[in-house]
C-alpha atoms as a PDB file:
ATOM      1  CA  MET A   1    -138.718 -42.632  23.224  1.00  0.00           C
ATOM      2  CA  THR A   2    -135.119 -43.792  23.371  1.00  0.00           C
ATOM      3  CA  GLN A   3    -132.160 -42.538  21.421  1.00  0.00           C
ATOM      4  CA  GLU A   4    -131.392 -44.935  18.548  1.00  0.00           C
ATOM      5  CA  PHE A   5    -127.729 -43.944  18.237  1.00  0.00           C
ATOM      6  CA  LYS A   6    -125.879 -43.393  21.498  1.00  0.00           C
ATOM      7  CA  SER A   7    -123.398 -40.536  21.327  1.00  0.00           C
ATOM      8  CA  ALA A   8    -120.700 -41.939  23.623  1.00  0.00           C
ATOM      9  CA  GLY A   9    -118.291 -42.390  20.706  1.00  0.00           C
ATOM     10  CA  THR A  10    -118.418 -38.724  19.717  1.00  0.00           C
ATOM     11  CA  SER A  11    -116.555 -37.369  22.772  1.00  0.00           C
ATOM     12  CA  LEU A  12    -113.293 -35.561  21.884  1.00  0.00           C
ATOM     13  CA  ARG A  13    -110.306 -34.790  24.123  1.00  0.00           C
ATOM     14  CA  GLN A  14    -110.246 -31.024  23.564  1.00  0.00           C
ATOM     15  CA  ILE A  15    -111.719 -27.746  24.754  1.00  0.00           C
ATOM     16  CA  PRO A  16    -114.804 -27.259  22.592  1.00  0.00           C
ATOM     17  CA  ALA A  17    -114.658 -24.226  20.317  1.00  0.00           C
ATOM     18  CA  LEU A  18    -118.006 -23.180  21.816  1.00  0.00           C
ATOM     19  CA  HIS A  19    -116.485 -22.763  25.276  1.00  0.00           C
ATOM     20  CA  LYS A  20    -113.581 -20.762  23.838  1.00  0.00           C
ATOM     21  CA  LYS A  21    -115.895 -18.417  21.892  1.00  0.00           C
ATOM     22  CA  VAL A  22    -118.162 -17.823  24.887  1.00  0.00           C
ATOM     23  CA  MET A  23    -115.139 -17.169  27.120  1.00  0.00           C
ATOM     24  CA  GLU A  24    -113.511 -14.828  24.574  1.00  0.00           C
ATOM     25  CA  ASN A  25    -116.711 -12.785  24.526  1.00  0.00           C
ATOM     26  CA  LYS A  26    -116.750 -12.695  28.352  1.00  0.00           C
ATOM     27  CA  LEU A  27    -120.173 -14.339  28.545  1.00  0.00           C
ATOM     28  CA  PHE A  28    -119.409 -16.894  31.262  1.00  0.00           C
ATOM     29  CA  SER A  29    -119.844 -16.056  34.928  1.00  0.00           C
ATOM     30  CA  GLY A  30    -120.424 -18.104  38.041  1.00  0.00           C
ATOM     31  CA  THR A  31    -121.812 -21.514  37.123  1.00  0.00           C
ATOM     32  CA  ASN A  32    -122.177 -23.206  33.730  1.00  0.00           C
ATOM     33  CA  PHE A  33    -124.210 -26.357  33.056  1.00  0.00           C
ATOM     34  CA  ASP A  34    -122.293 -28.395  30.465  1.00  0.00           C
ATOM     35  CA  ASN A  35    -125.038 -30.488  28.857  1.00  0.00           C
ATOM     36  CA  GLY A  36    -123.466 -33.423  26.990  1.00  0.00           C
ATOM     37  CA  ALA A  37    -120.065 -32.707  28.516  1.00  0.00           C
ATOM     38  CA  GLY A  38    -118.370 -35.846  27.210  1.00  0.00           C
ATOM     39  CA  LYS A  39    -115.912 -37.993  29.093  1.00  0.00           C
ATOM     40  CA  TYR A  40    -112.973 -35.588  29.218  1.00  0.00           C
ATOM     41  CA  MET A  41    -112.325 -32.738  31.654  1.00  0.00           C
ATOM     42  CA  ASN A  42    -110.754 -30.263  29.201  1.00  0.00           C
ATOM     43  CA  ALA A  43    -113.664 -27.777  29.226  1.00  0.00           C
ATOM     44  CA  THR A  44    -114.068 -28.044  32.994  1.00  0.00           C
ATOM     45  CA  ASN A  45    -110.385 -27.353  33.605  1.00  0.00           C
ATOM     46  CA  TYR A  46    -110.407 -24.476  31.103  1.00  0.00           C
ATOM     47  CA  LEU A  47    -113.405 -22.851  32.759  1.00  0.00           C
ATOM     48  CA  ALA A  48    -111.979 -23.402  36.250  1.00  0.00           C
ATOM     49  CA  CYS A  49    -108.877 -21.442  35.234  1.00  0.00           C
ATOM     50  CA  ASN A  50    -111.276 -18.621  34.389  1.00  0.00           C
ATOM     51  CA  GLU A  51    -113.186 -18.890  37.688  1.00  0.00           C
ATOM     52  CA  VAL A  52    -116.268 -20.597  36.239  1.00  0.00           C
ATOM     53  CA  LEU A  53    -117.712 -23.682  37.910  1.00  0.00           C
ATOM     54  CA  ASN A  54    -118.627 -26.202  35.189  1.00  0.00           C
ATOM     55  CA  ILE A  55    -121.380 -28.644  36.150  1.00  0.00           C
ATOM     56  CA  ARG A  56    -121.050 -31.691  33.893  1.00  0.00           C
ATOM     57  CA  PHE A  57    -123.855 -33.914  32.626  1.00  0.00           C
ATOM     58  CA  ASP A  58    -123.669 -36.667  30.017  1.00  0.00           C
ATOM     59  CA  PRO A  59    -125.886 -39.768  30.129  1.00  0.00           C
ATOM     60  CA  PHE A  60    -123.546 -41.764  27.870  1.00  0.00           C
ATOM     61  CA  ASN A  61    -120.103 -40.726  29.128  1.00  0.00           C
ATOM     62  CA  LEU A  62    -120.392 -39.918  32.832  1.00  0.00           C
ATOM     63  CA  PRO A  63    -121.287 -42.069  35.844  1.00  0.00           C
ATOM     64  CA  GLU A  64    -124.838 -41.803  37.175  1.00  0.00           C
ATOM     65  CA  GLU A  65    -123.433 -40.325  40.401  1.00  0.00           C
ATOM     66  CA  THR A  66    -121.952 -37.365  38.491  1.00  0.00           C
ATOM     67  CA  ASN A  67    -125.171 -36.820  36.551  1.00  0.00           C
ATOM     68  CA  SER A  68    -127.247 -37.008  39.758  1.00  0.00           C
ATOM     69  CA  LYS A  69    -125.039 -34.423  41.475  1.00  0.00           C
ATOM     70  CA  ALA A  70    -125.655 -32.036  38.572  1.00  0.00           C
ATOM     71  CA  ALA A  71    -129.373 -32.002  39.435  1.00  0.00           C
ATOM     72  CA  ARG A  72    -128.521 -30.134  42.659  1.00  0.00           C
ATOM     73  CA  TYR A  73    -127.822 -27.058  40.525  1.00  0.00           C
ATOM     74  CA  ARG A  74    -131.301 -26.919  38.978  1.00  0.00           C
ATOM     75  CA  GLY A  75    -132.273 -23.291  38.439  1.00  0.00           C
ATOM     76  CA  MET A  76    -128.891 -22.050  39.688  1.00  0.00           C
ATOM     77  CA  CYS A  77    -126.721 -21.759  36.553  1.00  0.00           C
ATOM     78  CA  GLU A  78    -126.035 -18.472  34.784  1.00  0.00           C
ATOM     79  CA  THR A  79    -125.181 -20.272  31.539  1.00  0.00           C
ATOM     80  CA  SER A  80    -125.509 -23.627  29.842  1.00  0.00           C
ATOM     81  CA  THR A  81    -123.486 -25.014  26.952  1.00  0.00           C
ATOM     82  CA  ILE A  82    -124.546 -27.700  24.494  1.00  0.00           C
ATOM     83  CA  ALA A  83    -121.458 -28.292  22.378  1.00  0.00           C
ATOM     84  CA  ASN A  84    -121.977 -30.417  19.268  1.00  0.00           C
ATOM     85  CA  VAL A  85    -124.692 -32.522  20.906  1.00  0.00           C
ATOM     86  CA  LEU A  86    -127.917 -31.840  18.994  1.00  0.00           C
ATOM     87  CA  ASN A  87    -126.282 -32.792  15.706  1.00  0.00           C
ATOM     88  CA  VAL A  88    -125.514 -36.349  16.920  1.00  0.00           C
ATOM     89  CA  ILE A  89    -129.102 -37.006  18.013  1.00  0.00           C
ATOM     90  CA  LYS A  90    -131.387 -38.346  15.286  1.00  0.00           C
ATOM     91  CA  GLU A  91    -134.692 -37.861  17.117  1.00  0.00           C
ATOM     92  CA  GLU A  92    -136.075 -34.338  17.521  1.00  0.00           C
ATOM     93  CA  SER A  93    -137.933 -35.421  20.682  1.00  0.00           C
ATOM     94  CA  ILE A  94    -134.599 -36.319  22.308  1.00  0.00           C
ATOM     95  CA  GLN A  95    -133.062 -33.022  21.122  1.00  0.00           C
ATOM     96  CA  ILE A  96    -135.942 -31.258  22.879  1.00  0.00           C
ATOM     97  CA  GLU A  97    -135.268 -33.257  26.076  1.00  0.00           C
ATOM     98  CA  VAL A  98    -131.640 -32.042  25.963  1.00  0.00           C
ATOM     99  CA  LEU A  99    -132.789 -28.442  25.491  1.00  0.00           C
ATOM    100  CA  LYS A 100    -135.310 -28.734  28.351  1.00  0.00           C
ATOM    101  CA  ARG A 101    -132.574 -30.060  30.637  1.00  0.00           C
ATOM    102  CA  SER A 102    -130.500 -26.927  29.969  1.00  0.00           C
ATOM    103  CA  TYR A 103    -133.548 -24.687  30.369  1.00  0.00           C
ATOM    104  CA  ASN A 104    -134.344 -26.186  33.767  1.00  0.00           C
ATOM    105  CA  MET A 105    -130.773 -25.761  35.000  1.00  0.00           C
ATOM    106  CA  LEU A 106    -130.683 -22.046  34.174  1.00  0.00           C
ATOM    107  CA  LYS A 107    -131.609 -19.133  36.400  1.00  0.00           C
ATOM    108  CA  ALA A 108    -134.174 -16.686  35.016  1.00  0.00           C
ATOM    109  CA  CYS A 109    -132.534 -14.681  32.226  1.00  0.00           C
ATOM    110  CA  GLY A 110    -129.764 -17.304  31.924  1.00  0.00           C
ATOM    111  CA  TRP A 111    -128.190 -17.963  28.539  1.00  0.00           C
ATOM    112  CA  CYS A 112    -127.838 -21.263  26.703  1.00  0.00           C
ATOM    113  CA  PHE A 113    -125.124 -21.408  24.054  1.00  0.00           C
ATOM    114  CA  ILE A 114    -125.379 -24.162  21.449  1.00  0.00           C
ATOM    115  CA  SER A 115    -122.853 -25.190  18.826  1.00  0.00           C
ATOM    116  CA  ILE A 116    -123.570 -27.519  15.946  1.00  0.00           C
ATOM    117  CA  TYR A 117    -121.109 -29.578  13.940  1.00  0.00           C
ATOM    118  CA  GLU A 118    -122.672 -29.246  10.495  1.00  0.00           C
ATOM    119  CA  GLY A 119    -120.967 -32.278   8.928  1.00  0.00           C
ATOM    120  CA  ASN A 120    -121.323 -32.247   5.140  1.00  0.00           C
ATOM    121  CA  LYS A 121    -124.211 -29.698   5.362  1.00  0.00           C
ATOM    122  CA  THR A 122    -126.526 -31.714   3.100  1.00  0.00           C
ATOM    123  CA  GLY A 123    -129.258 -32.087   5.722  1.00  0.00           C
ATOM    124  CA  GLU A 124    -129.215 -35.822   5.064  1.00  0.00           C
ATOM    125  CA  GLY A 125    -128.621 -37.567   8.368  1.00  0.00           C
ATOM    126  CA  LYS A 126    -126.673 -40.807   8.448  1.00  0.00           C
ATOM    127  CA  GLN A 127    -124.667 -43.091  10.670  1.00  0.00           C
ATOM    128  CA  SER A 128    -121.229 -41.494  10.902  1.00  0.00           C
ATOM    129  CA  LYS A 129    -119.386 -44.400  12.526  1.00  0.00           C
ATOM    130  CA  LYS A 130    -120.423 -47.458  14.480  1.00  0.00           C
ATOM    131  CA  GLY A 131    -123.119 -46.445  16.953  1.00  0.00           C
ATOM    132  CA  CYS A 132    -122.941 -42.730  16.070  1.00  0.00           C
ATOM    133  CA  TRP A 133    -125.217 -40.401  14.087  1.00  0.00           C
ATOM    134  CA  GLN A 134    -124.677 -37.103  12.256  1.00  0.00           C
ATOM    135  CA  ASN A 135    -127.596 -34.940  11.079  1.00  0.00           C
ATOM    136  CA  ASN A 136    -125.494 -32.905   8.601  1.00  0.00           C
ATOM    137  CA  LYS A 137    -127.768 -29.870   9.113  1.00  0.00           C
ATOM    138  CA  ARG A 138    -126.686 -26.257   9.181  1.00  0.00           C
ATOM    139  CA  THR A 139    -126.835 -24.428  12.507  1.00  0.00           C
ATOM    140  CA  LYS A 140    -129.785 -22.242  11.495  1.00  0.00           C
ATOM    141  CA  GLU A 141    -131.832 -25.385  10.702  1.00  0.00           C
ATOM    142  CA  TYR A 142    -132.001 -26.146  14.448  1.00  0.00           C
ATOM    143  CA  MET A 143    -133.670 -22.818  15.222  1.00  0.00           C
ATOM    144  CA  ASP A 144    -137.259 -24.152  15.101  1.00  0.00           C
ATOM    145  CA  THR A 145    -136.371 -27.010  17.460  1.00  0.00           C
ATOM    146  CA  VAL A 146    -134.565 -24.702  19.904  1.00  0.00           C
ATOM    147  CA  LYS A 147    -137.502 -22.254  19.866  1.00  0.00           C
ATOM    148  CA  LYS A 148    -139.823 -25.008  21.108  1.00  0.00           C
ATOM    149  CA  VAL A 149    -137.989 -24.697  24.448  1.00  0.00           C
ATOM    150  CA  PHE A 150    -136.359 -21.252  24.242  1.00  0.00           C
ATOM    151  CA  PRO A 151    -138.718 -18.897  22.339  1.00  0.00           C
ATOM    152  CA  THR A 152    -136.027 -16.211  22.267  1.00  0.00           C
ATOM    153  CA  CYS A 153    -133.174 -17.556  20.189  1.00  0.00           C
ATOM    154  CA  LYS A 154    -130.778 -16.189  17.573  1.00  0.00           C
ATOM    155  CA  VAL A 155    -127.717 -17.255  15.637  1.00  0.00           C
ATOM    156  CA  TRP A 156    -124.612 -15.155  16.069  1.00  0.00           C
ATOM    157  CA  ASN A 157    -121.030 -15.976  15.162  1.00  0.00           C
ATOM    158  CA  GLY A 158    -121.988 -19.572  14.312  1.00  0.00           C
ATOM    159  CA  ILE A 159    -123.575 -20.167  17.727  1.00  0.00           C
ATOM    160  CA  LEU A 160    -127.221 -20.490  18.708  1.00  0.00           C
ATOM    161  CA  TRP A 161    -127.945 -18.157  21.627  1.00  0.00           C
ATOM    162  CA  ALA A 162    -131.078 -18.846  23.649  1.00  0.00           C
ATOM    163  CA  VAL A 163    -132.315 -17.134  26.793  1.00  0.00           C
ATOM    164  CA  LYS A 164    -134.550 -18.369  29.587  1.00  0.00           C
ATOM    165  CA  GLU A 165    -137.213 -15.744  30.098  1.00  0.00           C
END
């Protein structure tokens, strides 16, 4: 299945709030897999200043060479971040592919941190701008989808926390 709405137009030039929250709680160490990293380097530079190597992957915003290099870190990352990605994907099967990609990049007992932009919170998905989608679901509504890949998952401080067991 292919993704109906490509998410290239949703990339923002800022450090995602997810990365800031995880850093503030001292949960990053070593290597992070940034799944759906976007086209800007803000998160990577922020993490580098805090001695975390950020491995970027984004099928719509990064060159294939960058995405291919990320595969070298399979099973080697302590953490993975998925910042405001699941909410711009209409198809649950594609959301699960994104989650599996993070799962496969993590070491055993590695943590995946997921943030969701909830939009208008109605749960009624719609095209948000040309070529872009917004699910408008609350964070907790993604729990069942996340648990299909990460059986151990919880919501804390507005973030989905999932662990690779």
